[in-house]
Amino acid sequence: MTVKRPAPLPVIILAAVFSVIYLANPTGGFFEFIPDNIPIIGNLDEAGVTLLLMWAVDEFRKRKMTVSPDPRDVTPPRA
């Protein structure tokens, strides 16, 4: 039986930041993995980076759901 460990938080943050920067300037950017003027496969790098951003957002959401409140906090919620 294997246990899947979550990705480290710095890796998730770097993936999200890289994805946003890459997608903010897709054609005139500082770097381009696959030139966009190549037919059919030219936009695959943007699709891959979009998937990377979606993965990072999903990992953030998973971490937020697994964080539980402090068990010593017994104050009732405000109505």
PDB file of N, CA and C in Angstrom:
ATOM      1  N   MET A   1       0.843  -1.172   0.000  1.00  0.00           N
ATOM      2  CA  MET A   1       0.000   0.000   0.000  1.00  0.00           C
ATOM      3  C   MET A   1       0.889   1.236   0.000  1.00  0.00           C
ATOM      4  N   THR A   2       0.654   2.121  -0.932  1.00  0.00           N
ATOM      5  CA  THR A   2       1.442   3.348  -1.002  1.00  0.00           C
ATOM      6  C   THR A   2       0.615   4.519  -0.498  1.00  0.00           C
ATOM      7  N   VAL A   3       1.288   5.417   0.163  1.00  0.00           N
ATOM      8  CA  VAL A   3       0.646   6.619   0.677  1.00  0.00           C
ATOM      9  C   VAL A   3       1.114   7.791  -0.163  1.00  0.00           C
ATOM     10  N   LYS A   4       0.174   8.534  -0.711  1.00  0.00           N
ATOM     11  CA  LYS A   4       0.524   9.681  -1.535  1.00  0.00           C
ATOM     12  C   LYS A   4       0.762  10.882  -0.633  1.00  0.00           C
ATOM     13  N   ARG A   5       1.972  11.404  -0.682  1.00  0.00           N
ATOM     14  CA  ARG A   5       2.294  12.579   0.116  1.00  0.00           C
ATOM     15  C   ARG A   5       2.009  13.830  -0.702  1.00  0.00           C
ATOM     16  N   PRO A   6       1.499  14.871  -0.044  1.00  0.00           N
ATOM     17  CA  PRO A   6       1.226  16.107  -0.791  1.00  0.00           C
ATOM     18  C   PRO A   6       2.517  16.786  -1.221  1.00  0.00           C
ATOM     19  N   ALA A   7       2.417  17.558  -2.253  1.00  0.00           N
ATOM     20  CA  ALA A   7       3.569  18.311  -2.746  1.00  0.00           C
ATOM     21  C   ALA A   7       3.955  19.368  -1.713  1.00  0.00           C
ATOM     22  N   PRO A   8       5.251  19.659  -1.595  1.00  0.00           N
ATOM     23  CA  PRO A   8       5.677  20.713  -0.659  1.00  0.00           C
ATOM     24  C   PRO A   8       5.096  22.067  -1.058  1.00  0.00           C
ATOM     25  N   LEU A   9       4.779  22.876  -0.069  1.00  0.00           N
ATOM     26  CA  LEU A   9       4.157  24.174  -0.322  1.00  0.00           C
ATOM     27  C   LEU A   9       5.014  25.080  -1.213  1.00  0.00           C
ATOM     28  N   PRO A  10       6.340  25.143  -1.032  1.00  0.00           N
ATOM     29  CA  PRO A  10       7.125  25.992  -1.947  1.00  0.00           C
ATOM     30  C   PRO A  10       7.023  25.566  -3.412  1.00  0.00           C
ATOM     31  N   VAL A  11       6.904  24.286  -3.667  1.00  0.00           N
ATOM     32  CA  VAL A  11       6.762  23.795  -5.043  1.00  0.00           C
ATOM     33  C   VAL A  11       5.425  24.258  -5.626  1.00  0.00           C
ATOM     34  N   ILE A  12       4.376  24.198  -4.822  1.00  0.00           N
ATOM     35  CA  ILE A  12       3.060  24.625  -5.286  1.00  0.00           C
ATOM     36  C   ILE A  12       3.067  26.124  -5.579  1.00  0.00           C
ATOM     37  N   ILE A  13       3.661  26.897  -4.696  1.00  0.00           N
ATOM     38  CA  ILE A  13       3.714  28.351  -4.884  1.00  0.00           C
ATOM     39  C   ILE A  13       4.522  28.703  -6.133  1.00  0.00           C
ATOM     40  N   LEU A  14       5.678  28.071  -6.312  1.00  0.00           N
ATOM     41  CA  LEU A  14       6.503  28.341  -7.500  1.00  0.00           C
ATOM     42  C   LEU A  14       5.765  27.960  -8.787  1.00  0.00           C
ATOM     43  N   ALA A  15       5.058  26.846  -8.768  1.00  0.00           N
ATOM     44  CA  ALA A  15       4.301  26.430  -9.954  1.00  0.00           C
ATOM     45  C   ALA A  15       3.212  27.441 -10.288  1.00  0.00           C
ATOM     46  N   ALA A  16       2.532  27.937  -9.271  1.00  0.00           N
ATOM     47  CA  ALA A  16       1.463  28.912  -9.505  1.00  0.00           C
ATOM     48  C   ALA A  16       2.027  30.228 -10.024  1.00  0.00           C
ATOM     49  N   VAL A  17       3.092  30.708  -9.412  1.00  0.00           N
ATOM     50  CA  VAL A  17       3.685  31.981  -9.841  1.00  0.00           C
ATOM     51  C   VAL A  17       4.228  31.870 -11.266  1.00  0.00           C
ATOM     52  N   PHE A  18       4.941  30.787 -11.551  1.00  0.00           N
ATOM     53  CA  PHE A  18       5.476  30.577 -12.901  1.00  0.00           C
ATOM     54  C   PHE A  18       4.345  30.537 -13.930  1.00  0.00           C
ATOM     55  N   SER A  19       3.271  29.824 -13.604  1.00  0.00           N
ATOM     56  CA  SER A  19       2.157  29.698 -14.543  1.00  0.00           C
ATOM     57  C   SER A  19       1.508  31.039 -14.835  1.00  0.00           C
ATOM     58  N   VAL A  20       1.291  31.827 -13.796  1.00  0.00           N
ATOM     59  CA  VAL A  20       0.648  33.124 -13.990  1.00  0.00           C
ATOM     60  C   VAL A  20       1.536  34.037 -14.833  1.00  0.00           C
ATOM     61  N   ILE A  21       2.828  34.060 -14.549  1.00  0.00           N
ATOM     62  CA  ILE A  21       3.746  34.905 -15.325  1.00  0.00           C
ATOM     63  C   ILE A  21       3.796  34.442 -16.783  1.00  0.00           C
ATOM     64  N   TYR A  22       3.875  33.142 -16.994  1.00  0.00           N
ATOM     65  CA  TYR A  22       3.956  32.608 -18.358  1.00  0.00           C
ATOM     66  C   TYR A  22       2.680  32.899 -19.145  1.00  0.00           C
ATOM     67  N   LEU A  23       1.530  32.743 -18.493  1.00  0.00           N
ATOM     68  CA  LEU A  23       0.265  32.957 -19.196  1.00  0.00           C
ATOM     69  C   LEU A  23      -0.070  34.430 -19.361  1.00  0.00           C
ATOM     70  N   ALA A  24       0.497  35.302 -18.549  1.00  0.00           N
ATOM     71  CA  ALA A  24       0.220  36.730 -18.662  1.00  0.00           C
ATOM     72  C   ALA A  24       0.835  37.322 -19.930  1.00  0.00           C
ATOM     73  N   ASN A  25       1.900  36.724 -20.424  1.00  0.00           N
ATOM     74  CA  ASN A  25       2.585  37.249 -21.598  1.00  0.00           C
ATOM     75  C   ASN A  25       2.927  36.085 -22.535  1.00  0.00           C
ATOM     76  N   PRO A  26       1.932  35.473 -23.187  1.00  0.00           N
ATOM     77  CA  PRO A  26       2.183  34.239 -23.912  1.00  0.00           C
ATOM     78  C   PRO A  26       2.966  34.359 -25.213  1.00  0.00           C
ATOM     79  N   THR A  27       2.862  35.458 -25.945  1.00  0.00           N
ATOM     80  CA  THR A  27       3.515  35.482 -27.260  1.00  0.00           C
ATOM     81  C   THR A  27       4.743  36.372 -27.331  1.00  0.00           C
ATOM     82  N   GLY A  28       4.791  37.438 -26.602  1.00  0.00           N
ATOM     83  CA  GLY A  28       5.946  38.317 -26.670  1.00  0.00           C
ATOM     84  C   GLY A  28       6.816  38.173 -25.443  1.00  0.00           C
ATOM     85  N   GLY A  29       6.765  36.995 -24.876  1.00  0.00           N
ATOM     86  CA  GLY A  29       7.325  36.786 -23.547  1.00  0.00           C
ATOM     87  C   GLY A  29       8.838  36.740 -23.474  1.00  0.00           C
ATOM     88  N   PHE A  30       9.277  36.585 -22.271  1.00  0.00           N
ATOM     89  CA  PHE A  30      10.702  36.481 -21.988  1.00  0.00           C
ATOM     90  C   PHE A  30      11.242  35.128 -22.423  1.00  0.00           C
ATOM     91  N   PHE A  31      10.393  34.136 -22.403  1.00  0.00           N
ATOM     92  CA  PHE A  31      10.778  32.789 -22.809  1.00  0.00           C
ATOM     93  C   PHE A  31       9.573  32.112 -23.442  1.00  0.00           C
ATOM     94  N   GLU A  32       9.828  31.201 -24.338  1.00  0.00           N
ATOM     95  CA  GLU A  32       8.767  30.486 -25.035  1.00  0.00           C
ATOM     96  C   GLU A  32       9.264  29.064 -25.261  1.00  0.00           C
ATOM     97  N   PHE A  33       8.545  28.083 -24.752  1.00  0.00           N
ATOM     98  CA  PHE A  33       8.975  26.695 -24.908  1.00  0.00           C
ATOM     99  C   PHE A  33       8.780  26.203 -26.337  1.00  0.00           C
ATOM    100  N   ILE A  34       7.605  26.440 -26.889  1.00  0.00           N
ATOM    101  CA  ILE A  34       7.298  26.053 -28.265  1.00  0.00           C
ATOM    102  C   ILE A  34       6.818  27.312 -28.981  1.00  0.00           C
ATOM    103  N   PRO A  35       7.474  27.727 -30.052  1.00  0.00           N
ATOM    104  CA  PRO A  35       7.015  28.932 -30.761  1.00  0.00           C
ATOM    105  C   PRO A  35       5.578  28.783 -31.240  1.00  0.00           C
ATOM    106  N   ASP A  36       4.801  29.855 -31.079  1.00  0.00           N
ATOM    107  CA  ASP A  36       3.383  29.802 -31.421  1.00  0.00           C
ATOM    108  C   ASP A  36       3.127  29.730 -32.923  1.00  0.00           C
ATOM    109  N   ASN A  37       4.098  30.035 -33.760  1.00  0.00           N
ATOM    110  CA  ASN A  37       3.865  30.014 -35.202  1.00  0.00           C
ATOM    111  C   ASN A  37       3.994  28.607 -35.796  1.00  0.00           C
ATOM    112  N   ILE A  38       4.297  27.606 -34.984  1.00  0.00           N
ATOM    113  CA  ILE A  38       4.314  26.225 -35.468  1.00  0.00           C
ATOM    114  C   ILE A  38       2.864  25.724 -35.474  1.00  0.00           C
ATOM    115  N   PRO A  39       2.364  25.271 -36.622  1.00  0.00           N
ATOM    116  CA  PRO A  39       0.959  24.850 -36.680  1.00  0.00           C
ATOM    117  C   PRO A  39       0.647  23.693 -35.726  1.00  0.00           C
ATOM    118  N   ILE A  40      -0.520  23.713 -35.173  1.00  0.00           N
ATOM    119  CA  ILE A  40      -1.119  22.697 -34.310  1.00  0.00           C
ATOM    120  C   ILE A  40      -0.430  22.584 -32.950  1.00  0.00           C
ATOM    121  N   ILE A  41       0.876  22.409 -32.907  1.00  0.00           N
ATOM    122  CA  ILE A  41       1.528  22.209 -31.615  1.00  0.00           C
ATOM    123  C   ILE A  41       2.043  23.506 -30.998  1.00  0.00           C
ATOM    124  N   GLY A  42       1.829  24.602 -31.656  1.00  0.00           N
ATOM    125  CA  GLY A  42       2.371  25.870 -31.180  1.00  0.00           C
ATOM    126  C   GLY A  42       1.798  26.343 -29.863  1.00  0.00           C
ATOM    127  N   ASN A  43       0.585  25.954 -29.553  1.00  0.00           N
ATOM    128  CA  ASN A  43      -0.043  26.405 -28.314  1.00  0.00           C
ATOM    129  C   ASN A  43      -0.060  25.331 -27.234  1.00  0.00           C
ATOM    130  N   LEU A  44       0.631  24.249 -27.452  1.00  0.00           N
ATOM    131  CA  LEU A  44       0.644  23.189 -26.447  1.00  0.00           C
ATOM    132  C   LEU A  44       1.344  23.622 -25.157  1.00  0.00           C
ATOM    133  N   ASP A  45       2.334  24.488 -25.250  1.00  0.00           N
ATOM    134  CA  ASP A  45       3.011  24.919 -24.030  1.00  0.00           C
ATOM    135  C   ASP A  45       2.075  25.733 -23.147  1.00  0.00           C
ATOM    136  N   GLU A  46       1.241  26.580 -23.767  1.00  0.00           N
ATOM    137  CA  GLU A  46       0.262  27.329 -22.980  1.00  0.00           C
ATOM    138  C   GLU A  46      -0.755  26.393 -22.341  1.00  0.00           C
ATOM    139  N   ALA A  47      -1.157  25.355 -23.061  1.00  0.00           N
ATOM    140  CA  ALA A  47      -2.096  24.385 -22.498  1.00  0.00           C
ATOM    141  C   ALA A  47      -1.468  23.652 -21.316  1.00  0.00           C
ATOM    142  N   GLY A  48      -0.205  23.285 -21.442  1.00  0.00           N
ATOM    143  CA  GLY A  48       0.487  22.605 -20.349  1.00  0.00           C
ATOM    144  C   GLY A  48       0.643  23.485 -19.125  1.00  0.00           C
ATOM    145  N   VAL A  49       0.959  24.741 -19.347  1.00  0.00           N
ATOM    146  CA  VAL A  49       1.120  25.665 -18.225  1.00  0.00           C
ATOM    147  C   VAL A  49      -0.237  25.947 -17.575  1.00  0.00           C
ATOM    148  N   THR A  50      -1.298  25.953 -18.363  1.00  0.00           N
ATOM    149  CA  THR A  50      -2.636  26.109 -17.799  1.00  0.00           C
ATOM    150  C   THR A  50      -2.976  24.919 -16.906  1.00  0.00           C
ATOM    151  N   LEU A  51      -2.620  23.717 -17.346  1.00  0.00           N
ATOM    152  CA  LEU A  51      -2.826  22.536 -16.501  1.00  0.00           C
ATOM    153  C   LEU A  51      -2.002  22.618 -15.222  1.00  0.00           C
ATOM    154  N   LEU A  52      -0.786  23.133 -15.318  1.00  0.00           N
ATOM    155  CA  LEU A  52       0.053  23.311 -14.135  1.00  0.00           C
ATOM    156  C   LEU A  52      -0.594  24.278 -13.147  1.00  0.00           C
ATOM    157  N   LEU A  53      -1.156  25.360 -13.651  1.00  0.00           N
ATOM    158  CA  LEU A  53      -1.845  26.322 -12.788  1.00  0.00           C
ATOM    159  C   LEU A  53      -3.080  25.691 -12.150  1.00  0.00           C
ATOM    160  N   MET A  54      -3.827  24.913 -12.908  1.00  0.00           N
ATOM    161  CA  MET A  54      -5.003  24.238 -12.349  1.00  0.00           C
ATOM    162  C   MET A  54      -4.591  23.255 -11.260  1.00  0.00           C
ATOM    163  N   TRP A  55      -3.482  22.538 -11.449  1.00  0.00           N
ATOM    164  CA  TRP A  55      -2.980  21.620 -10.433  1.00  0.00           C
ATOM    165  C   TRP A  55      -2.601  22.379  -9.163  1.00  0.00           C
ATOM    166  N   ALA A  56      -1.916  23.516  -9.310  1.00  0.00           N
ATOM    167  CA  ALA A  56      -1.493  24.293  -8.149  1.00  0.00           C
ATOM    168  C   ALA A  56      -2.704  24.805  -7.370  1.00  0.00           C
ATOM    169  N   VAL A  57      -3.712  25.290  -8.075  1.00  0.00           N
ATOM    170  CA  VAL A  57      -4.927  25.765  -7.402  1.00  0.00           C
ATOM    171  C   VAL A  57      -5.613  24.615  -6.675  1.00  0.00           C
ATOM    172  N   ASP A  58      -5.662  23.445  -7.299  1.00  0.00           N
ATOM    173  CA  ASP A  58      -6.264  22.282  -6.662  1.00  0.00           C
ATOM    174  C   ASP A  58      -5.493  21.883  -5.402  1.00  0.00           C
ATOM    175  N   GLU A  59      -4.169  21.939  -5.468  1.00  0.00           N
ATOM    176  CA  GLU A  59      -3.358  21.600  -4.286  1.00  0.00           C
ATOM    177  C   GLU A  59      -3.581  22.605  -3.158  1.00  0.00           C
ATOM    178  N   PHE A  60      -3.705  23.890  -3.493  1.00  0.00           N
ATOM    179  CA  PHE A  60      -4.023  24.897  -2.474  1.00  0.00           C
ATOM    180  C   PHE A  60      -5.357  24.581  -1.813  1.00  0.00           C
ATOM    181  N   ARG A  61      -6.352  24.228  -2.621  1.00  0.00           N
ATOM    182  CA  ARG A  61      -7.673  23.923  -2.077  1.00  0.00           C
ATOM    183  C   ARG A  61      -7.632  22.693  -1.182  1.00  0.00           C
ATOM    184  N   LYS A  62      -6.880  21.665  -1.565  1.00  0.00           N
ATOM    185  CA  LYS A  62      -6.762  20.464  -0.735  1.00  0.00           C
ATOM    186  C   LYS A  62      -6.124  20.800   0.608  1.00  0.00           C
ATOM    187  N   ARG A  63      -5.090  21.637   0.588  1.00  0.00           N
ATOM    188  CA  ARG A  63      -4.442  22.019   1.835  1.00  0.00           C
ATOM    189  C   ARG A  63      -5.376  22.807   2.729  1.00  0.00           C
ATOM    190  N   LYS A  64      -6.179  23.671   2.142  1.00  0.00           N
ATOM    191  CA  LYS A  64      -7.103  24.475   2.933  1.00  0.00           C
ATOM    192  C   LYS A  64      -8.161  23.592   3.585  1.00  0.00           C
ATOM    193  N   MET A  65      -8.604  22.559   2.895  1.00  0.00           N
ATOM    194  CA  MET A  65      -9.625  21.677   3.444  1.00  0.00           C
ATOM    195  C   MET A  65      -9.080  20.789   4.558  1.00  0.00           C
ATOM    196  N   THR A  66      -7.790  20.463   4.513  1.00  0.00           N
ATOM    197  CA  THR A  66      -7.243  19.560   5.519  1.00  0.00           C
ATOM    198  C   THR A  66      -6.844  20.283   6.799  1.00  0.00           C
ATOM    199  N   VAL A  67      -6.769  21.605   6.773  1.00  0.00           N
ATOM    200  CA  VAL A  67      -6.412  22.349   7.970  1.00  0.00           C
ATOM    201  C   VAL A  67      -7.639  22.427   8.858  1.00  0.00           C
ATOM    202  N   SER A  68      -7.494  21.929  10.074  1.00  0.00           N
ATOM    203  CA  SER A  68      -8.622  21.948  10.997  1.00  0.00           C
ATOM    204  C   SER A  68      -8.429  23.064  12.018  1.00  0.00           C
ATOM    205  N   PRO A  69      -9.511  23.547  12.606  1.00  0.00           N
ATOM    206  CA  PRO A  69      -9.380  24.604  13.603  1.00  0.00           C
ATOM    207  C   PRO A  69      -8.692  24.084  14.866  1.00  0.00           C
ATOM    208  N   ASP A  70      -8.233  24.998  15.657  1.00  0.00           N
ATOM    209  CA  ASP A  70      -7.558  24.644  16.900  1.00  0.00           C
ATOM    210  C   ASP A  70      -8.535  23.899  17.809  1.00  0.00           C
ATOM    211  N   PRO A  71      -8.220  22.672  18.244  1.00  0.00           N
ATOM    212  CA  PRO A  71      -9.178  21.920  19.053  1.00  0.00           C
ATOM    213  C   PRO A  71      -9.434  22.535  20.425  1.00  0.00           C
ATOM    214  N   ARG A  72      -8.571  23.429  20.886  1.00  0.00           N
ATOM    215  CA  ARG A  72      -8.772  24.050  22.194  1.00  0.00           C
ATOM    216  C   ARG A  72      -9.720  25.237  22.126  1.00  0.00           C
ATOM    217  N   ASP A  73     -10.071  25.660  20.939  1.00  0.00           N
ATOM    218  CA  ASP A  73     -10.957  26.798  20.780  1.00  0.00           C
ATOM    219  C   ASP A  73     -12.399  26.334  20.986  1.00  0.00           C
ATOM    220  N   VAL A  74     -13.003  26.719  22.108  1.00  0.00           N
ATOM    221  CA  VAL A  74     -14.357  26.276  22.439  1.00  0.00           C
ATOM    222  C   VAL A  74     -15.350  27.422  22.429  1.00  0.00           C
ATOM    223  N   THR A  75     -14.963  28.566  21.861  1.00  0.00           N
ATOM    224  CA  THR A  75     -15.896  29.684  21.819  1.00  0.00           C
ATOM    225  C   THR A  75     -16.984  29.388  20.800  1.00  0.00           C
ATOM    226  N   PRO A  76     -18.248  29.698  21.149  1.00  0.00           N
ATOM    227  CA  PRO A  76     -19.317  29.428  20.199  1.00  0.00           C
ATOM    228  C   PRO A  76     -19.254  30.379  19.019  1.00  0.00           C
ATOM    229  N   PRO A  77     -19.713  29.941  17.859  1.00  0.00           N
ATOM    230  CA  PRO A  77     -19.685  30.834  16.695  1.00  0.00           C
ATOM    231  C   PRO A  77     -20.689  31.978  16.878  1.00  0.00           C
ATOM    232  N   ARG A  78     -20.402  33.098  16.243  1.00  0.00           N
ATOM    233  CA  ARG A  78     -21.304  34.234  16.319  1.00  0.00           C
ATOM    234  C   ARG A  78     -22.563  33.975  15.506  1.00  0.00           C
ATOM    235  N   ALA A  79     -23.665  34.420  16.022  1.00  0.00           N
ATOM    236  CA  ALA A  79     -24.939  34.200  15.343  1.00  0.00           C
ATOM    237  C   ALA A  79     -25.262  35.313  14.382  1.00  0.00           C
TER     238      ALA A  79
END
